[in-house]
C-alpha atoms as a PDB file:
ATOM      1  CA  MET A   1     122.658  26.170 -44.567  1.00  0.00           C
ATOM      2  CA  THR A   2     120.280  28.518 -45.479  1.00  0.00           C
ATOM      3  CA  HIS A   3     116.970  29.175 -43.504  1.00  0.00           C
ATOM      4  CA  ARG A   4     115.442  27.936 -47.115  1.00  0.00           C
ATOM      5  CA  ASP A   5     118.122  24.720 -46.906  1.00  0.00           C
ATOM      6  CA  TYR A   6     116.716  24.061 -43.365  1.00  0.00           C
ATOM      7  CA  ASN A   7     113.125  24.141 -44.655  1.00  0.00           C
ATOM      8  CA  ARG A   8     114.422  21.659 -46.778  1.00  0.00           C
ATOM      9  CA  LEU A   9     116.327  19.565 -44.053  1.00  0.00           C
ATOM     10  CA  LEU A  10     113.031  19.623 -42.351  1.00  0.00           C
ATOM     11  CA  THR A  11     111.442  18.403 -45.334  1.00  0.00           C
ATOM     12  CA  ARG A  12     113.489  15.532 -45.990  1.00  0.00           C
ATOM     13  CA  ILE A  13     113.038  14.630 -42.266  1.00  0.00           C
ATOM     14  CA  GLY A  14     109.635  14.081 -43.236  1.00  0.00           C
ATOM     15  CA  GLN A  15     109.767  11.755 -46.322  1.00  0.00           C
ATOM     16  CA  LEU A  16     112.673   9.598 -44.210  1.00  0.00           C
ATOM     17  CA  GLU A  17     110.203   9.096 -41.444  1.00  0.00           C
ATOM     18  CA  ARG A  18     107.237   7.995 -43.730  1.00  0.00           C
ATOM     19  CA  THR A  19     109.508   5.542 -45.354  1.00  0.00           C
ATOM     20  CA  VAL A  20     112.584   4.650 -42.995  1.00  0.00           C
ATOM     21  CA  ARG A  21     111.300   0.768 -42.026  1.00  0.00           C
ATOM     22  CA  ARG A  22     114.679  -0.346 -39.997  1.00  0.00           C
ATOM     23  CA  PRO A  23     116.532   2.166 -38.256  1.00  0.00           C
ATOM     24  CA  ASP A  24     119.478   0.350 -39.010  1.00  0.00           C
ATOM     25  CA  SER A  25     119.618   1.061 -42.684  1.00  0.00           C
ATOM     26  CA  VAL A  26     121.088   3.944 -44.267  1.00  0.00           C
ATOM     27  CA  GLU A  27     118.114   5.848 -44.566  1.00  0.00           C
ATOM     28  CA  GLY A  28     117.419   5.163 -41.047  1.00  0.00           C
ATOM     29  CA  LEU A  29     120.786   7.025 -40.035  1.00  0.00           C
ATOM     30  CA  GLU A  30     120.081   9.827 -42.296  1.00  0.00           C
ATOM     31  CA  LEU A  31     117.195  10.462 -40.283  1.00  0.00           C
ATOM     32  CA  TYR A  32     118.264  10.021 -37.051  1.00  0.00           C
ATOM     33  CA  THR A  33     121.103  12.510 -38.727  1.00  0.00           C
ATOM     34  CA  LEU A  34     119.089  15.219 -39.727  1.00  0.00           C
ATOM     35  CA  LYS A  35     117.159  15.264 -36.890  1.00  0.00           C
ATOM     36  CA  ALA A  36     119.952  15.536 -34.818  1.00  0.00           C
ATOM     37  CA  ALA A  37     121.236  18.402 -36.890  1.00  0.00           C
ATOM     38  CA  ALA A  38     117.647  19.731 -36.932  1.00  0.00           C
ATOM     39  CA  ILE A  39     117.631  19.362 -33.022  1.00  0.00           C
ATOM     40  CA  ALA A  40     120.840  21.780 -32.517  1.00  0.00           C
ATOM     41  CA  VAL A  41     119.256  24.752 -35.094  1.00  0.00           C
ATOM     42  CA  ALA A  42     115.933  24.380 -33.304  1.00  0.00           C
ATOM     43  CA  GLU A  43     117.635  24.341 -29.348  1.00  0.00           C
ATOM     44  CA  GLY A  44     119.943  27.016 -30.528  1.00  0.00           C
ATOM     45  CA  TYR A  45     123.473  25.302 -30.050  1.00  0.00           C
ATOM     46  CA  ALA A  46     123.837  25.706 -33.695  1.00  0.00           C
ATOM     47  CA  LYS A  47     122.959  28.380 -36.228  1.00  0.00           C
ATOM     48  CA  PRO A  48     121.722  27.042 -39.639  1.00  0.00           C
ATOM     49  CA  SER A  49     124.467  28.357 -41.427  1.00  0.00           C
ATOM     50  CA  ASP A  50     126.516  26.043 -39.102  1.00  0.00           C
ATOM     51  CA  ILE A  51     124.841  22.951 -40.909  1.00  0.00           C
ATOM     52  CA  ARG A  52     126.552  21.646 -43.887  1.00  0.00           C
ATOM     53  CA  MET A  53     124.104  19.737 -46.082  1.00  0.00           C
ATOM     54  CA  PRO A  54     124.675  17.126 -48.811  1.00  0.00           C
ATOM     55  CA  GLU A  55     123.738  18.591 -51.995  1.00  0.00           C
ATOM     56  CA  ARG A  56     121.430  15.902 -52.922  1.00  0.00           C
ATOM     57  CA  LEU A  57     118.267  17.071 -50.524  1.00  0.00           C
END
């Protein structure tokens, strides 16, 4: 993941936060997974290059 991909990740998180209504839906699970990845990068536990992103973002 590049820094550009990381920005796409944050954008996708924002989109999901506005649209997810049920936390147990596929989109809800995607939201929580992406949030965990973003937190890991933000807190220094992972580098953006450590995270693999699906191409559909």
